[in-house]
Amino acid sequence: ISACLVGSEMCIRDRFKEETGITVNYESVPWDDAADKLTVLGTSGQLPDVMTTHPLWLGQFTNAKWVIELDDYVEEHGDEYVESVQKINWAQEKERYGHVYTIPDGFMVKGIFYRKDWVEEIGYEIPTGEEWTYDAYFDLIKALRDEEQNRYGNSFRGARGAFDPLLAYLQSFTGGYVYDEEGNFLLDSPECVEALEKWCEIYTGGYAPEDSINWGFVEMVDNFTGGLTGTLSNDSEVAISCETKMDPETWGVLPMPVSTVDGKMMNTAGSPYSYSVSATSEHPEEAIQLIDFLARPDNNIEYCKMGGLIPIKNDVGDDPTYGPDGPYAPFLEQLNDPNLTVPPMYGPFNYTDMHQDTLHTELQKYLLGDQTAEDVLKNIGDELEKRMKDYLAENEGSTVESPKTMQ
């Protein structure tokens, strides 16, 4: 069977062959190229048996019928997976698409990485609990800016993916929703316009480097671990880079800020990458067998440690990495926080084209002073609202997705 996976080294394929006799032809694809490559393969009917999918692509893949349903597998093995996979990942997929199409390769929770040594150096006291709001986060960013020492307060993401962290902040004013029941876009209210302006002040106010308007994931992380920036909002996978490149006493992790409206913690917790089986596979049973092998606790823990992920199976034994004193404790604490709320993304329809271009280019126009914050949200909102209403009209009985909690 063939497997096309994003950015991973399938080092256990030899073990899989030893146990099953099945040979896997493996190809690794960089994140930036993956969506385009899989789209080309899907259009030509040449998708591999097993492939990595992303929540942002799944609407396109399911609409095109490129992936098969995995409901039977989930019914048989679902209890083996942690509750967050069951109550968040699979609950979202069932609500969006009516079925489960993916098996996560690991779980991620966002957090605020920060320079603990800088904070101690300036004697700054970071608020906790309900006082740790986005306003408090912005204050921390401003406090860490030091022109004389060439220190910036934040690794600002201005290129692809730039709108994703902003989305969670905007949703903190709507209870986690993007649309109302009729599909009307909610994130263009005066409160959200003001929030977008406040968010972008990180860049326009000089609290992030000027060239960060072109930063993606790699640049954000490199400049944080390299000592140029003092905070970084991203997934737990960043912890690997911090552990590798920084002294342990120089960095720490804060929970995501809570909403000033209702105290909820909007966190895009979930699995950014998952395994799917292509609809054109001639070996679907073997493909599912490979996925189940990759998800087995021993293999999954090994993989998660390499990628900075949280294991997806209940059985993690006594591995100290995921214990209360381990480096991932702050992320696990968030998963157990009663205020944790996982809001939906942009919709169940295909928006890959917008994520690859429109969302960040519209934001960049504001950062460059070429349009207003109102224009950003109107232009993005008009297109998303059209697609959402078209989806509701074309899919009888479908509803607008609601935020998910662990409760």
Protein backbone atom coordinates (compact mmCIF):
# COMPACT_ATOMS: atom_id res chain seq x y z
CA ILE A 1 0.00 0.00 0.00
CA SER A 2 1.05 3.64 -0.45
CA ALA A 3 1.19 6.35 2.22
CA CYS A 4 1.64 10.07 1.69
CA LEU A 5 2.20 11.77 5.07
CA VAL A 6 2.97 15.39 5.93
CA GLY A 7 6.40 16.10 7.36
CA SER A 8 6.93 12.83 9.24
CA GLU A 9 9.45 10.02 8.97
CA MET A 10 7.69 6.71 8.89
CA CYS A 11 10.46 4.95 10.81
CA ILE A 12 8.21 2.13 11.96
CA ARG A 13 7.19 0.86 8.52
CA ASP A 14 9.77 -1.94 8.79
CA ARG A 15 8.12 -3.05 12.03
CA PHE A 16 4.74 -2.97 10.31
CA LYS A 17 6.05 -5.21 7.53
CA GLU A 18 7.59 -7.60 10.06
CA GLU A 19 4.28 -7.96 11.90
CA THR A 20 1.90 -8.02 8.94
CA GLY A 21 3.92 -8.84 5.83
CA ILE A 22 2.49 -5.69 4.18
CA THR A 23 4.91 -3.39 2.35
CA VAL A 24 4.33 0.37 2.58
CA ASN A 25 5.57 2.72 -0.12
CA TYR A 26 6.05 5.93 1.82
CA GLU A 27 6.35 9.54 0.67
CA SER A 28 6.88 12.54 2.95
CA VAL A 29 5.46 15.90 1.86
CA PRO A 30 6.27 19.35 3.33
CA TRP A 31 3.27 21.17 4.83
CA ASP A 32 3.42 24.07 2.37
CA ASP A 33 3.10 21.71 -0.62
CA ALA A 34 0.74 19.10 0.83
CA ALA A 35 -2.67 20.63 0.06
CA ASP A 36 -1.75 21.38 -3.56
CA LYS A 37 -0.15 17.96 -4.10
CA LEU A 38 -3.10 16.03 -2.68
CA THR A 39 -5.54 18.15 -4.68
CA VAL A 40 -3.71 17.29 -7.89
CA LEU A 41 -3.61 13.60 -6.96
CA GLY A 42 -7.28 13.63 -5.98
CA THR A 43 -8.36 15.30 -9.20
CA SER A 44 -6.48 12.70 -11.22
CA GLY A 45 -7.75 9.77 -9.11
CA GLN A 46 -4.26 8.86 -7.93
CA LEU A 47 -4.40 9.46 -4.18
CA PRO A 48 -2.34 7.06 -2.01
CA ASP A 49 -4.08 4.45 0.13
CA VAL A 50 -3.29 6.33 3.35
CA MET A 51 -2.68 10.06 3.52
CA THR A 52 -2.37 12.87 6.00
CA THR A 53 -5.34 15.23 6.00
CA HIS A 54 -5.89 18.54 7.77
CA PRO A 55 -9.19 19.96 9.10
CA LEU A 56 -8.84 22.85 6.66
CA TRP A 57 -8.81 20.46 3.69
CA LEU A 58 -11.41 17.96 4.83
CA GLY A 59 -14.38 19.88 3.44
CA GLN A 60 -12.85 19.72 -0.02
CA PHE A 61 -11.93 16.04 0.32
CA THR A 62 -15.34 14.93 1.58
CA ASN A 63 -17.20 17.03 -0.98
CA ALA A 64 -15.14 15.49 -3.76
CA LYS A 65 -15.63 12.02 -2.23
CA TRP A 66 -11.87 11.43 -2.07
CA VAL A 67 -11.91 9.77 1.38
CA ILE A 68 -13.91 6.91 2.89
CA GLU A 69 -15.98 6.88 6.07
CA LEU A 70 -14.31 5.33 9.11
CA ASP A 71 -17.42 5.00 11.27
CA ASP A 72 -17.07 1.22 11.63
CA TYR A 73 -13.49 1.56 12.87
CA VAL A 74 -14.52 4.23 15.38
CA GLU A 75 -17.40 2.11 16.64
CA GLU A 76 -15.05 -0.82 17.25
CA HIS A 77 -12.03 1.06 18.62
CA GLY A 78 -13.37 4.44 19.76
CA ASP A 79 -13.14 3.69 23.48
CA GLU A 80 -9.38 3.21 23.15
CA TYR A 81 -8.97 6.91 22.32
CA VAL A 82 -8.81 9.78 24.80
CA GLU A 83 -12.03 11.69 25.45
CA SER A 84 -10.76 14.81 23.69
CA VAL A 85 -10.55 12.87 20.42
CA GLN A 86 -14.05 11.49 20.91
CA LYS A 87 -15.73 14.67 22.17
CA ILE A 88 -13.89 17.18 19.99
CA ASN A 89 -12.35 15.70 16.83
CA TRP A 90 -14.94 13.11 15.96
CA ALA A 91 -17.86 15.13 17.30
CA GLN A 92 -16.86 18.00 15.00
CA GLU A 93 -16.51 15.74 11.98
CA LYS A 94 -19.88 14.09 12.56
CA GLU A 95 -21.55 17.49 12.91
CA ARG A 96 -19.85 18.90 9.83
CA TYR A 97 -19.92 15.94 7.48
CA GLY A 98 -22.23 13.33 9.01
CA HIS A 99 -19.45 10.76 9.41
CA VAL A 100 -15.93 10.28 10.77
CA TYR A 101 -13.26 10.38 8.07
CA THR A 102 -10.02 10.72 10.02
CA ILE A 103 -7.98 9.10 12.78
CA PRO A 104 -5.73 11.64 14.55
CA ASP A 105 -1.98 11.16 14.57
CA GLY A 106 -1.67 13.13 17.81
CA PHE A 107 -3.41 15.83 19.79
CA MET A 108 -2.37 19.46 20.02
CA VAL A 109 -3.39 22.23 22.37
CA LYS A 110 -2.39 25.83 21.88
CA GLY A 111 -0.55 27.82 24.50
CA ILE A 112 1.40 31.05 24.90
CA PHE A 113 5.13 30.34 24.88
CA TYR A 114 7.00 33.10 26.68
CA ARG A 115 10.50 34.13 27.72
CA LYS A 116 10.39 33.37 31.41
CA ASP A 117 13.84 34.89 31.94
CA TRP A 118 12.79 38.21 30.35
CA VAL A 119 9.71 38.38 32.55
CA GLU A 120 11.78 37.77 35.67
CA GLU A 121 14.38 40.28 34.54
CA ILE A 122 11.87 43.15 34.31
CA GLY A 123 9.96 42.00 37.40
CA TYR A 124 6.67 41.60 35.53
CA GLU A 125 3.80 39.79 37.22
CA ILE A 126 1.65 37.82 34.79
CA PRO A 127 -2.03 37.61 35.78
CA THR A 128 -3.61 34.20 36.29
CA GLY A 129 -7.10 32.69 36.18
CA GLU A 130 -9.90 34.94 35.00
CA GLU A 131 -7.48 37.89 34.95
CA TRP A 132 -5.43 36.26 32.19
CA THR A 133 -7.39 37.84 29.34
CA TYR A 134 -6.31 38.88 25.84
CA ASP A 135 -5.84 42.41 27.14
CA ALA A 136 -3.43 41.01 29.73
CA TYR A 137 -1.66 39.10 26.96
CA PHE A 138 -1.28 42.29 24.91
CA ASP A 139 0.09 44.08 27.98
CA LEU A 140 2.69 41.34 28.41
CA ILE A 141 3.74 41.70 24.78
CA LYS A 142 4.19 45.45 25.19
CA ALA A 143 6.11 45.03 28.45
CA LEU A 144 8.64 42.70 26.80
CA ARG A 145 9.50 45.15 24.01
CA ASP A 146 13.00 46.56 24.61
CA GLU A 147 14.51 48.59 21.78
CA GLU A 148 17.93 48.92 23.41
CA GLN A 149 18.30 45.14 23.66
CA ASN A 150 16.58 44.54 20.29
CA ARG A 151 13.82 42.55 21.95
CA TYR A 152 10.34 42.35 20.48
CA GLY A 153 7.27 41.29 22.40
CA ASN A 154 5.76 38.83 19.96
CA SER A 155 6.42 36.44 17.08
CA PHE A 156 3.66 37.82 14.86
CA ARG A 157 2.34 35.62 12.08
CA GLY A 158 1.62 37.75 9.03
CA ALA A 159 1.70 35.21 6.20
CA ARG A 160 -0.19 31.97 5.58
CA GLY A 161 -2.21 30.96 8.63
CA ALA A 162 -2.19 34.53 10.01
CA PHE A 163 -5.96 34.68 10.45
CA ASP A 164 -6.24 31.42 12.41
CA PRO A 165 -5.07 32.70 15.84
CA LEU A 166 -7.01 35.91 15.28
CA LEU A 167 -10.14 33.85 14.62
CA ALA A 168 -10.12 32.41 18.15
CA TYR A 169 -9.78 35.94 19.61
CA LEU A 170 -12.70 37.23 17.53
CA GLN A 171 -14.79 34.22 18.59
CA SER A 172 -14.25 35.19 22.23
CA PHE A 173 -16.81 37.95 21.55
CA THR A 174 -19.42 35.58 20.04
CA GLY A 175 -19.35 32.64 22.44
CA GLY A 176 -17.29 30.68 19.95
CA TYR A 177 -19.56 31.04 16.92
CA VAL A 178 -18.68 32.24 13.41
CA TYR A 179 -22.26 32.29 12.06
CA ASP A 180 -25.77 32.54 13.44
CA GLU A 181 -28.34 29.81 12.75
CA GLU A 182 -29.13 31.23 9.30
CA GLY A 183 -25.48 31.34 8.29
CA ASN A 184 -24.96 35.07 8.76
CA PHE A 185 -21.35 36.02 9.52
CA LEU A 186 -20.98 37.24 13.12
CA LEU A 187 -17.37 38.35 13.27
CA ASP A 188 -17.84 41.77 11.65
CA SER A 189 -19.49 43.43 14.65
CA PRO A 190 -18.06 46.69 16.08
CA GLU A 191 -16.55 44.65 18.94
CA CYS A 192 -14.78 42.38 16.49
CA VAL A 193 -13.56 45.29 14.38
CA GLU A 194 -12.05 46.83 17.50
CA ALA A 195 -10.55 43.44 18.44
CA LEU A 196 -8.91 43.10 15.01
CA GLU A 197 -7.38 46.57 15.40
CA LYS A 198 -6.10 45.71 18.86
CA TRP A 199 -4.64 42.43 17.60
CA CYS A 200 -2.87 44.11 14.70
CA GLU A 201 -1.43 46.78 16.99
CA ILE A 202 1.10 44.11 17.95
CA TYR A 203 2.52 44.68 14.47
CA THR A 204 1.59 48.27 13.67
CA GLY A 205 2.76 49.43 17.11
CA GLY A 206 6.24 48.02 16.64
CA TYR A 207 5.95 45.18 19.17
CA ALA A 208 6.85 42.67 16.45
CA PRO A 209 9.63 42.89 13.83
CA GLU A 210 8.71 44.70 10.62
CA ASP A 211 9.42 41.67 8.43
CA SER A 212 7.06 39.49 10.48
CA ILE A 213 4.33 40.48 8.03
CA ASN A 214 5.86 37.70 5.91
CA TRP A 215 6.36 35.18 8.73
CA GLY A 216 4.86 31.74 8.76
CA PHE A 217 5.30 28.97 11.32
CA VAL A 218 9.04 28.42 10.83
CA GLU A 219 9.98 32.09 11.12
CA MET A 220 7.81 32.57 14.21
CA VAL A 221 9.45 29.69 16.04
CA ASP A 222 13.00 30.42 14.91
CA ASN A 223 12.83 34.03 16.08
CA PHE A 224 11.35 33.04 19.44
CA THR A 225 13.91 30.33 20.14
CA GLY A 226 16.63 32.56 18.70
CA GLY A 227 16.01 35.32 21.24
CA LEU A 228 14.41 38.04 19.12
CA THR A 229 10.81 37.75 20.38
CA GLY A 230 9.31 37.28 23.84
CA THR A 231 6.00 35.48 23.17
CA LEU A 232 4.59 33.05 20.66
CA SER A 233 1.05 31.70 20.40
CA ASN A 234 1.04 28.24 18.88
CA ASP A 235 0.54 24.52 19.36
CA SER A 236 2.37 22.18 21.70
CA GLU A 237 4.63 21.05 18.85
CA VAL A 238 6.72 24.19 19.44
CA ALA A 239 7.87 22.69 22.74
CA ILE A 240 10.20 20.38 20.81
CA SER A 241 12.08 23.35 19.35
CA CYS A 242 12.20 25.07 22.73
CA GLU A 243 13.59 21.96 24.42
CA THR A 244 16.19 21.55 21.69
CA LYS A 245 17.37 25.13 21.27
CA MET A 246 16.75 26.87 24.62
CA ASP A 247 17.81 26.45 28.22
CA PRO A 248 14.87 25.13 30.29
CA GLU A 249 14.92 28.12 32.67
CA THR A 250 14.50 30.62 29.81
CA TRP A 251 11.05 29.63 28.56
CA GLY A 252 7.64 28.59 29.82
CA VAL A 253 4.07 28.06 28.65
CA LEU A 254 0.97 30.01 29.64
CA PRO A 255 -2.62 28.93 28.96
CA MET A 256 -4.56 30.63 26.21
CA PRO A 257 -6.20 33.87 27.41
CA VAL A 258 -9.85 33.81 28.51
CA SER A 259 -12.69 35.86 27.08
CA THR A 260 -13.57 39.17 28.73
CA VAL A 261 -17.19 38.46 27.78
CA ASP A 262 -17.90 35.08 29.38
CA GLY A 263 -14.61 33.76 30.80
CA LYS A 264 -14.35 30.95 28.24
CA MET A 265 -10.94 29.85 27.00
CA MET A 266 -11.10 29.62 23.22
CA ASN A 267 -8.48 27.12 22.19
CA THR A 268 -8.12 25.42 18.82
CA ALA A 269 -7.32 22.17 20.61
CA GLY A 270 -7.50 19.20 18.33
CA SER A 271 -5.51 17.21 15.88
CA PRO A 272 -4.03 19.31 13.09
CA TYR A 273 -3.05 16.20 11.17
CA SER A 274 -4.96 12.96 10.80
CA TYR A 275 -4.90 9.78 8.77
CA SER A 276 -7.47 9.13 6.05
CA VAL A 277 -8.04 6.35 3.54
CA SER A 278 -8.60 7.37 -0.06
CA ALA A 279 -11.76 6.31 -1.83
CA THR A 280 -9.70 5.01 -4.75
CA SER A 281 -7.66 2.65 -2.55
CA GLU A 282 -7.58 -0.94 -3.77
CA HIS A 283 -6.49 -2.06 -0.29
CA PRO A 284 -8.81 -0.29 2.19
CA GLU A 285 -8.59 -3.04 4.83
CA GLU A 286 -4.80 -2.98 4.80
CA ALA A 287 -4.87 0.83 4.87
CA ILE A 288 -7.00 0.82 8.03
CA GLN A 289 -4.70 -1.83 9.47
CA LEU A 290 -1.74 0.53 8.92
CA ILE A 291 -3.57 3.42 10.60
CA ASP A 292 -4.45 1.23 13.58
CA PHE A 293 -0.78 0.19 13.82
CA LEU A 294 0.38 3.82 13.77
CA ALA A 295 -2.17 4.67 16.48
CA ARG A 296 -1.08 1.82 18.76
CA PRO A 297 0.09 3.31 22.10
CA ASP A 298 3.77 2.32 21.83
CA ASN A 299 4.08 3.62 18.28
CA ASN A 300 1.95 6.71 18.90
CA ILE A 301 3.92 7.76 21.99
CA GLU A 302 7.17 7.40 20.07
CA TYR A 303 5.75 9.51 17.23
CA CYS A 304 4.23 12.13 19.53
CA LYS A 305 7.52 12.71 21.32
CA MET A 306 9.19 13.46 17.99
CA GLY A 307 6.49 15.92 16.96
CA GLY A 308 5.60 17.64 20.21
CA LEU A 309 2.14 16.06 20.31
CA ILE A 310 -0.07 14.62 23.02
CA PRO A 311 -0.89 10.90 22.59
CA ILE A 312 -4.35 9.98 21.32
CA LYS A 313 -4.77 6.67 23.16
CA ASN A 314 -5.78 6.25 26.80
CA ASP A 315 -2.86 3.96 27.52
CA VAL A 316 0.28 6.10 27.95
CA GLY A 317 1.60 4.07 30.89
CA ASP A 318 3.89 5.94 33.26
CA ASP A 319 5.74 7.93 30.59
CA PRO A 320 7.13 11.01 32.41
CA THR A 321 6.86 13.23 29.33
CA TYR A 322 3.10 13.39 29.82
CA GLY A 323 3.08 13.35 33.62
CA PRO A 324 2.25 16.30 35.92
CA ASP A 325 5.90 17.41 36.03
CA GLY A 326 6.60 16.84 32.34
CA PRO A 327 7.05 19.54 29.68
CA TYR A 328 3.50 19.02 28.36
CA ALA A 329 1.75 19.50 31.70
CA PRO A 330 0.50 23.04 30.83
CA PHE A 331 -1.23 21.70 27.74
CA LEU A 332 -2.81 18.77 29.54
CA GLU A 333 -4.04 21.16 32.25
CA GLN A 334 -5.86 23.16 29.61
CA LEU A 335 -7.58 20.05 28.31
CA ASN A 336 -8.98 19.54 31.80
CA ASP A 337 -9.96 23.18 32.33
CA PRO A 338 -13.77 23.51 32.63
CA ASN A 339 -13.58 26.80 30.68
CA LEU A 340 -11.90 25.17 27.66
CA THR A 341 -14.01 25.74 24.57
CA VAL A 342 -13.03 24.54 21.10
CA PRO A 343 -14.76 26.79 18.57
CA PRO A 344 -15.44 25.71 14.99
CA MET A 345 -13.21 26.88 12.18
CA TYR A 346 -14.55 28.60 9.06
CA GLY A 347 -17.20 26.08 8.03
CA PRO A 348 -17.91 22.58 6.69
CA PHE A 349 -17.48 23.70 3.09
CA ASN A 350 -14.27 23.86 1.07
CA TYR A 351 -12.25 26.96 1.94
CA THR A 352 -8.75 25.70 1.09
CA ASP A 353 -8.34 28.47 -1.49
CA MET A 354 -9.17 31.14 1.09
CA HIS A 355 -6.80 29.70 3.65
CA GLN A 356 -3.99 29.55 1.10
CA ASP A 357 -4.49 33.18 0.05
CA THR A 358 -7.49 35.38 0.89
CA LEU A 359 -7.45 35.25 4.68
CA HIS A 360 -3.89 36.43 5.18
CA THR A 361 -3.70 38.76 2.17
CA GLU A 362 -6.78 40.65 3.37
CA LEU A 363 -5.16 41.00 6.80
CA GLN A 364 -1.89 42.14 5.25
CA LYS A 365 -3.71 44.93 3.42
CA TYR A 366 -4.74 46.34 6.79
CA LEU A 367 -1.26 45.90 8.24
CA LEU A 368 0.12 47.89 5.29
CA GLY A 369 -2.50 50.62 5.68
CA ASP A 370 -4.24 49.83 2.39
CA GLN A 371 -7.70 49.18 3.87
CA THR A 372 -9.63 49.46 7.12
CA ALA A 373 -10.32 46.78 9.71
CA GLU A 374 -13.97 46.97 8.68
CA ASP A 375 -12.94 46.19 5.10
CA VAL A 376 -10.96 43.14 6.20
CA LEU A 377 -13.87 41.57 8.05
CA LYS A 378 -16.42 42.58 5.42
CA ASN A 379 -14.43 41.13 2.52
CA ILE A 380 -13.70 37.90 4.36
CA GLY A 381 -17.16 37.74 5.91
CA ASP A 382 -19.03 38.29 2.64
CA GLU A 383 -17.30 35.34 1.00
CA LEU A 384 -17.56 33.02 4.01
CA GLU A 385 -21.22 33.91 4.53
CA LYS A 386 -22.01 33.18 0.88
CA ARG A 387 -20.33 29.78 1.11
CA MET A 388 -22.03 28.97 4.42
CA LYS A 389 -25.50 29.85 3.13
CA ASP A 390 -24.90 27.93 -0.09
CA TYR A 391 -23.85 24.93 1.98
CA LEU A 392 -26.98 25.11 4.17
CA ALA A 393 -29.19 25.43 1.09
CA GLU A 394 -27.54 22.53 -0.70
CA ASN A 395 -27.44 20.20 2.31
CA GLU A 396 -30.95 19.77 3.67
CA GLY A 397 -31.05 19.29 7.42
CA SER A 398 -27.55 20.67 7.99
CA THR A 399 -26.97 23.18 10.78
CA VAL A 400 -24.32 25.69 11.79
CA GLU A 401 -21.63 24.04 13.86
CA SER A 402 -21.49 24.84 17.56
CA PRO A 403 -18.45 25.15 19.88
CA LYS A 404 -17.33 21.97 21.66
CA THR A 405 -16.35 21.47 25.29
CA MET A 406 -15.00 18.56 27.30
CA GLN A 407 -17.93 18.79 29.68
